[in-house]
Amino acid sequence: MLYRAITVLFLSTFYIKFVSCKFSTLYPEEKYLRDISYNVFAYTNLTFTHAESPVWDSETNKLYWVDVLNQDVHVLDYFTWRHTTKHIRTKGPQRGDKVAQDEAALYSLEQPWYTARVKLKPVTISNGLVWALNDSVMYYIDSETRKIEAFDFEVKTGHISNRRTILNIKEYGYNKAIPDGMTIDKDGLLWVALMFEGSVIRIDPESRTIIEKYKLPVSRTTSVTWAGPQLNHLIVTTSRRNISPDELSREPLSGAIFILHQTGTRGVPIYKFAFDNADCY
């Protein structure tokens, strides 16, 4: 039997509790997902309104993420568990879960002047963005399209071309979910958080299929990244934004940070953006 473990990370007082959860594998010869039970380990009881954008700093062994609505940047030292927060006022008002269609764009910043250049337009909600292991392909998510897409990528110029669909989650019956944050593992497979579905799916971009699914005890999974000294912990951020009291009573872990262990793979080091003369943050 396959076994996977998840840690639920909160940041207040330390204790451990267990919550039932499921892991699923899509077998090539089958057309359905087979559920396998496993445990969730909870550390503490602090949650966030809308946790997003987790980033691992391998030089300092620190995990960064943002709480979007509260406009806070959070930092967790992975060894001391010291948790710090910095407030940055950057976001305007937003109503509910609805976003105006096709009013955004995907930009790039390039040295030496860091001028914002439009790479893709129109866009509704830019989210997951990762590169293939050889940097020749850029994978991208505009959440409202329900698609994980790919572009040919030229490293020297940053030019993208040959847009194509890797996977449309509606074809797997995810009619209410949207793909959100995304990362890649050492095997070149994509991990995507499904908002409103409470799941993380693992995608083979070559066969364009979902090969694994992790179901969490919350519905609003927002993003993913690899963390830990060996990059073998999959961080999953979640949200409790716009959740009714009844929903929250059914999903009390909404807004928690989850850590998935024993996934059978690990991440790869990420590139850092070289911003000359930037203050040390």
Protein backbone atom coordinates (compact mmCIF):
# COMPACT_ATOMS: atom_id res chain seq x y z
CA MET A 1 0.00 0.00 0.00
CA LEU A 2 1.24 3.48 -0.82
CA TYR A 3 1.61 5.76 2.19
CA ARG A 4 2.00 9.50 2.42
CA ALA A 5 2.18 11.79 5.44
CA ILE A 6 1.24 15.45 5.81
CA THR A 7 2.18 17.93 8.47
CA VAL A 8 -0.16 20.82 9.16
CA LEU A 9 1.95 23.77 10.22
CA PHE A 10 0.48 26.46 12.42
CA LEU A 11 2.56 28.97 14.30
CA SER A 12 1.41 29.59 17.85
CA THR A 13 1.84 27.00 20.61
CA PHE A 14 3.32 23.63 19.72
CA TYR A 15 1.25 20.48 20.00
CA ILE A 16 0.43 17.52 17.77
CA LYS A 17 -2.98 16.25 16.72
CA PHE A 18 -4.10 13.86 14.00
CA VAL A 19 -6.59 14.54 11.21
CA SER A 20 -7.86 12.04 8.64
CA CYS A 21 -6.91 12.76 5.04
CA LYS A 22 -6.53 10.97 1.71
CA PHE A 23 -4.00 10.37 -1.05
CA SER A 24 -5.01 9.16 -4.50
CA THR A 25 -3.15 7.65 -7.43
CA LEU A 26 -4.45 7.55 -10.98
CA TYR A 27 -3.47 4.20 -12.44
CA PRO A 28 -2.92 4.18 -16.23
CA GLU A 29 -5.28 1.27 -16.78
CA GLU A 30 -8.06 2.84 -14.73
CA LYS A 31 -10.32 5.86 -15.25
CA TYR A 32 -10.85 6.70 -11.61
CA LEU A 33 -8.85 7.79 -8.59
CA ARG A 34 -8.20 5.18 -5.91
CA ASP A 35 -8.26 6.60 -2.35
CA ILE A 36 -5.64 5.60 0.21
CA SER A 37 -5.93 6.87 3.78
CA TYR A 38 -3.10 8.44 5.72
CA ASN A 39 -2.59 10.84 8.61
CA VAL A 40 -2.13 14.57 9.02
CA PHE A 41 0.05 15.95 11.82
CA ALA A 42 -0.83 19.40 13.20
CA TYR A 43 1.76 21.47 15.02
CA THR A 44 0.07 24.64 16.25
CA ASN A 45 -3.18 26.55 15.95
CA LEU A 46 -2.50 29.83 14.14
CA THR A 47 -4.07 30.15 10.67
CA PHE A 48 -4.01 32.81 7.97
CA THR A 49 -6.76 34.55 6.03
CA HIS A 50 -5.35 33.86 2.56
CA ALA A 51 -1.87 32.33 2.60
CA GLU A 52 -0.15 32.41 -0.80
CA SER A 53 3.16 32.50 -2.68
CA PRO A 54 5.39 30.23 -0.55
CA VAL A 55 9.11 30.55 -1.34
CA TRP A 56 12.01 28.57 0.14
CA ASP A 57 15.39 30.26 0.71
CA SER A 58 17.99 27.48 0.68
CA GLU A 59 20.79 29.81 1.84
CA THR A 60 19.06 30.73 5.12
CA ASN A 61 16.77 27.69 5.51
CA LYS A 62 13.76 29.97 5.79
CA LEU A 63 10.27 29.67 4.37
CA TYR A 64 8.53 32.82 3.14
CA TRP A 65 4.87 33.28 2.30
CA VAL A 66 2.30 36.07 2.20
CA ASP A 67 -1.11 36.55 3.78
CA VAL A 68 -2.61 38.49 0.89
CA LEU A 69 -5.64 40.14 2.49
CA ASN A 70 -3.73 41.18 5.61
CA GLN A 71 -0.81 42.32 3.42
CA ASP A 72 1.73 40.52 5.59
CA VAL A 73 4.93 38.76 4.59
CA HIS A 74 5.68 35.82 6.92
CA VAL A 75 9.07 34.22 7.54
CA LEU A 76 9.65 30.90 9.29
CA ASP A 77 13.09 29.67 10.33
CA TYR A 78 12.91 25.96 9.55
CA PHE A 79 15.22 24.92 12.39
CA THR A 80 14.31 27.24 15.26
CA TRP A 81 10.63 27.59 14.21
CA ARG A 82 10.96 31.32 14.88
CA HIS A 83 8.15 33.10 13.06
CA THR A 84 8.33 36.78 12.06
CA THR A 85 5.99 39.04 10.10
CA LYS A 86 6.43 42.23 8.09
CA HIS A 87 3.44 44.32 7.01
CA ILE A 88 3.55 45.74 3.48
CA ARG A 89 0.63 47.77 2.18
CA THR A 90 0.29 46.74 -1.47
CA LYS A 91 -3.24 45.58 -2.23
CA GLY A 92 -6.43 47.40 -3.08
CA PRO A 93 -10.00 46.28 -2.34
CA GLN A 94 -11.49 43.16 -3.93
CA ARG A 95 -15.04 41.81 -3.77
CA GLY A 96 -15.73 38.15 -3.14
CA ASP A 97 -14.09 35.49 -5.28
CA LYS A 98 -14.84 37.18 -8.61
CA VAL A 99 -12.16 38.81 -10.74
CA ALA A 100 -12.80 40.93 -13.85
CA GLN A 101 -12.05 39.00 -17.03
CA ASP A 102 -9.05 39.75 -19.26
CA GLU A 103 -7.94 42.94 -17.52
CA ALA A 104 -4.46 41.84 -16.51
CA ALA A 105 -1.17 40.86 -18.12
CA LEU A 106 1.97 38.81 -17.52
CA TYR A 107 5.06 41.02 -17.21
CA SER A 108 8.81 40.53 -17.01
CA LEU A 109 11.47 42.69 -15.37
CA GLU A 110 14.85 42.70 -17.06
CA GLN A 111 18.23 44.19 -16.23
CA PRO A 112 19.67 46.79 -16.25
CA TRP A 113 16.68 49.13 -16.00
CA TYR A 114 14.05 46.68 -14.67
CA THR A 115 11.45 48.04 -17.04
CA ALA A 116 8.17 46.10 -16.94
CA ARG A 117 7.52 44.43 -20.29
CA VAL A 118 4.26 42.75 -21.27
CA LYS A 119 4.82 39.08 -22.13
CA LEU A 120 1.22 37.95 -22.36
CA LYS A 121 -2.10 39.77 -22.64
CA PRO A 122 -5.00 39.57 -21.92
CA VAL A 123 -4.82 37.63 -18.65
CA THR A 124 -7.34 37.30 -15.83
CA ILE A 125 -5.42 35.76 -12.89
CA SER A 126 -1.74 34.93 -13.40
CA ASN A 127 -0.73 32.23 -10.94
CA GLY A 128 1.55 29.20 -11.29
CA LEU A 129 4.82 29.88 -13.12
CA VAL A 130 7.72 27.39 -13.38
CA TRP A 131 10.37 26.31 -15.88
CA ALA A 132 11.28 22.88 -17.18
CA LEU A 133 14.46 21.38 -15.78
CA ASN A 134 16.43 22.37 -18.90
CA ASP A 135 14.83 25.87 -18.94
CA SER A 136 13.51 25.37 -22.48
CA VAL A 137 9.84 25.42 -21.50
CA MET A 138 7.89 27.84 -19.32
CA TYR A 139 4.77 26.42 -17.66
CA TYR A 140 2.07 28.94 -16.81
CA ILE A 141 -1.40 29.17 -15.28
CA ASP A 142 -4.07 31.79 -15.92
CA SER A 143 -6.48 30.41 -13.33
CA GLU A 144 -9.72 31.39 -15.05
CA THR A 145 -8.85 29.33 -18.12
CA ARG A 146 -8.69 26.15 -15.99
CA LYS A 147 -5.58 25.25 -17.99
CA ILE A 148 -1.94 24.47 -17.33
CA GLU A 149 -0.16 25.83 -20.38
CA ALA A 150 3.36 25.72 -21.83
CA PHE A 151 5.50 28.06 -23.90
CA ASP A 152 8.84 27.58 -25.59
CA PHE A 153 11.30 29.74 -23.65
CA GLU A 154 14.54 31.35 -24.83
CA VAL A 155 16.87 31.80 -21.87
CA LYS A 156 19.01 34.59 -23.35
CA THR A 157 16.15 36.83 -24.48
CA GLY A 158 13.26 35.72 -22.25
CA HIS A 159 11.12 35.36 -25.38
CA ILE A 160 8.11 33.01 -25.13
CA SER A 161 6.34 31.36 -28.06
CA ASN A 162 4.35 28.32 -29.20
CA ARG A 163 1.61 28.49 -26.57
CA ARG A 164 -0.12 25.15 -25.97
CA THR A 165 -2.30 23.46 -23.38
CA ILE A 166 -0.72 20.77 -21.20
CA LEU A 167 -3.90 19.97 -19.28
CA ASN A 168 -7.41 21.35 -18.80
CA ILE A 169 -8.68 20.38 -15.35
CA LYS A 170 -12.32 20.52 -16.53
CA GLU A 171 -11.60 17.40 -18.56
CA TYR A 172 -11.05 15.62 -15.22
CA GLY A 173 -14.37 16.80 -13.81
CA TYR A 174 -13.02 19.79 -11.85
CA ASN A 175 -15.77 22.17 -12.95
CA LYS A 176 -15.75 24.39 -9.86
CA ALA A 177 -12.02 24.35 -9.11
CA ILE A 178 -9.35 26.59 -10.59
CA PRO A 179 -5.62 25.79 -10.88
CA ASP A 180 -3.63 28.12 -8.64
CA GLY A 181 0.04 27.92 -7.56
CA MET A 182 2.45 25.46 -9.16
CA THR A 183 5.93 23.97 -8.69
CA ILE A 184 8.08 21.30 -10.35
CA ASP A 185 9.95 18.29 -8.96
CA LYS A 186 13.29 16.64 -9.79
CA ASP A 187 11.51 14.32 -12.23
CA GLY A 188 10.17 17.24 -14.27
CA LEU A 189 6.59 16.67 -13.10
CA LEU A 190 4.29 19.55 -12.16
CA TRP A 191 2.50 19.98 -8.82
CA VAL A 192 -0.57 22.24 -8.92
CA ALA A 193 -2.83 23.48 -6.11
CA LEU A 194 -6.53 23.34 -7.00
CA MET A 195 -8.41 26.22 -5.37
CA PHE A 196 -11.99 25.35 -4.26
CA GLU A 197 -11.16 21.64 -4.61
CA GLY A 198 -8.83 21.22 -1.63
CA SER A 199 -6.36 19.17 -3.61
CA VAL A 200 -2.87 19.12 -5.04
CA ILE A 201 -2.42 17.25 -8.33
CA ARG A 202 0.78 15.94 -9.90
CA ILE A 203 0.93 16.23 -13.68
CA ASP A 204 3.16 14.55 -16.24
CA PRO A 205 3.60 17.30 -18.88
CA GLU A 206 4.83 14.79 -21.46
CA SER A 207 1.79 12.49 -21.35
CA ARG A 208 -0.44 15.45 -20.31
CA THR A 209 -2.12 13.45 -17.57
CA ILE A 210 -2.75 13.65 -13.83
CA ILE A 211 -0.81 10.86 -12.16
CA GLU A 212 -1.37 11.64 -8.45
CA LYS A 213 -3.80 13.60 -6.32
CA TYR A 214 -3.50 14.69 -2.69
CA LYS A 215 -6.78 15.56 -0.97
CA LEU A 216 -6.51 17.89 2.04
CA PRO A 217 -9.15 18.54 4.74
CA VAL A 218 -9.78 22.06 3.40
CA SER A 219 -11.32 23.32 0.15
CA ARG A 220 -9.17 26.38 -0.59
CA THR A 221 -5.67 25.21 -1.47
CA THR A 222 -3.76 28.16 -2.93
CA SER A 223 -0.12 27.37 -3.73
CA VAL A 224 2.78 24.95 -3.40
CA THR A 225 6.58 24.96 -3.13
CA TRP A 226 9.38 22.60 -2.10
CA ALA A 227 11.18 23.28 1.18
CA GLY A 228 13.63 21.79 3.65
CA PRO A 229 17.40 21.22 3.39
CA GLN A 230 16.79 18.29 1.03
CA LEU A 231 13.86 20.01 -0.77
CA ASN A 232 11.72 16.98 0.06
CA HIS A 233 8.90 18.76 1.92
CA LEU A 234 6.02 20.01 -0.21
CA ILE A 235 4.55 23.16 1.32
CA VAL A 236 0.86 23.79 0.62
CA THR A 237 -0.71 27.13 1.54
CA THR A 238 -4.46 27.43 2.09
CA SER A 239 -7.12 30.08 2.63
CA ARG A 240 -10.17 30.79 4.78
CA ARG A 241 -11.19 33.85 2.82
CA ASN A 242 -14.96 34.22 2.21
CA ILE A 243 -15.70 31.02 4.11
CA SER A 244 -18.99 31.04 6.02
CA PRO A 245 -19.10 30.10 9.71
CA ASP A 246 -20.75 26.80 8.80
CA GLU A 247 -18.03 26.00 6.27
CA LEU A 248 -15.32 26.93 8.77
CA SER A 249 -16.81 24.61 11.36
CA ARG A 250 -16.50 21.78 8.82
CA GLU A 251 -13.01 22.86 7.72
CA PRO A 252 -11.29 24.29 10.81
CA LEU A 253 -7.84 23.84 9.27
CA SER A 254 -8.61 26.32 6.48
CA GLY A 255 -5.82 28.89 6.31
CA ALA A 256 -3.19 26.48 7.68
CA ILE A 257 0.18 25.76 6.11
CA PHE A 258 0.51 22.05 5.25
CA ILE A 259 3.76 20.13 4.80
CA LEU A 260 3.57 16.95 2.72
CA HIS A 261 6.20 14.30 3.51
CA GLN A 262 7.17 11.08 1.76
CA THR A 263 5.98 12.11 -1.69
CA GLY A 264 8.62 9.92 -3.29
CA THR A 265 10.33 12.86 -4.95
CA ARG A 266 11.82 16.27 -4.17
CA GLY A 267 12.11 19.73 -5.62
CA VAL A 268 14.94 21.47 -7.43
CA PRO A 269 16.79 24.68 -6.44
CA ILE A 270 15.09 27.84 -7.65
CA TYR A 271 16.71 30.81 -9.34
CA LYS A 272 16.92 34.09 -7.48
CA PHE A 273 16.19 37.40 -9.17
CA ALA A 274 19.29 39.61 -9.12
CA PHE A 275 18.03 43.05 -8.11
CA ASP A 276 21.04 45.37 -7.93
CA ASN A 277 21.37 47.51 -4.82
CA ALA A 278 18.22 46.10 -3.27
CA ASP A 279 18.01 46.40 0.52
CA CYS A 280 18.52 43.19 2.46
CA TYR A 281 15.04 42.10 3.49
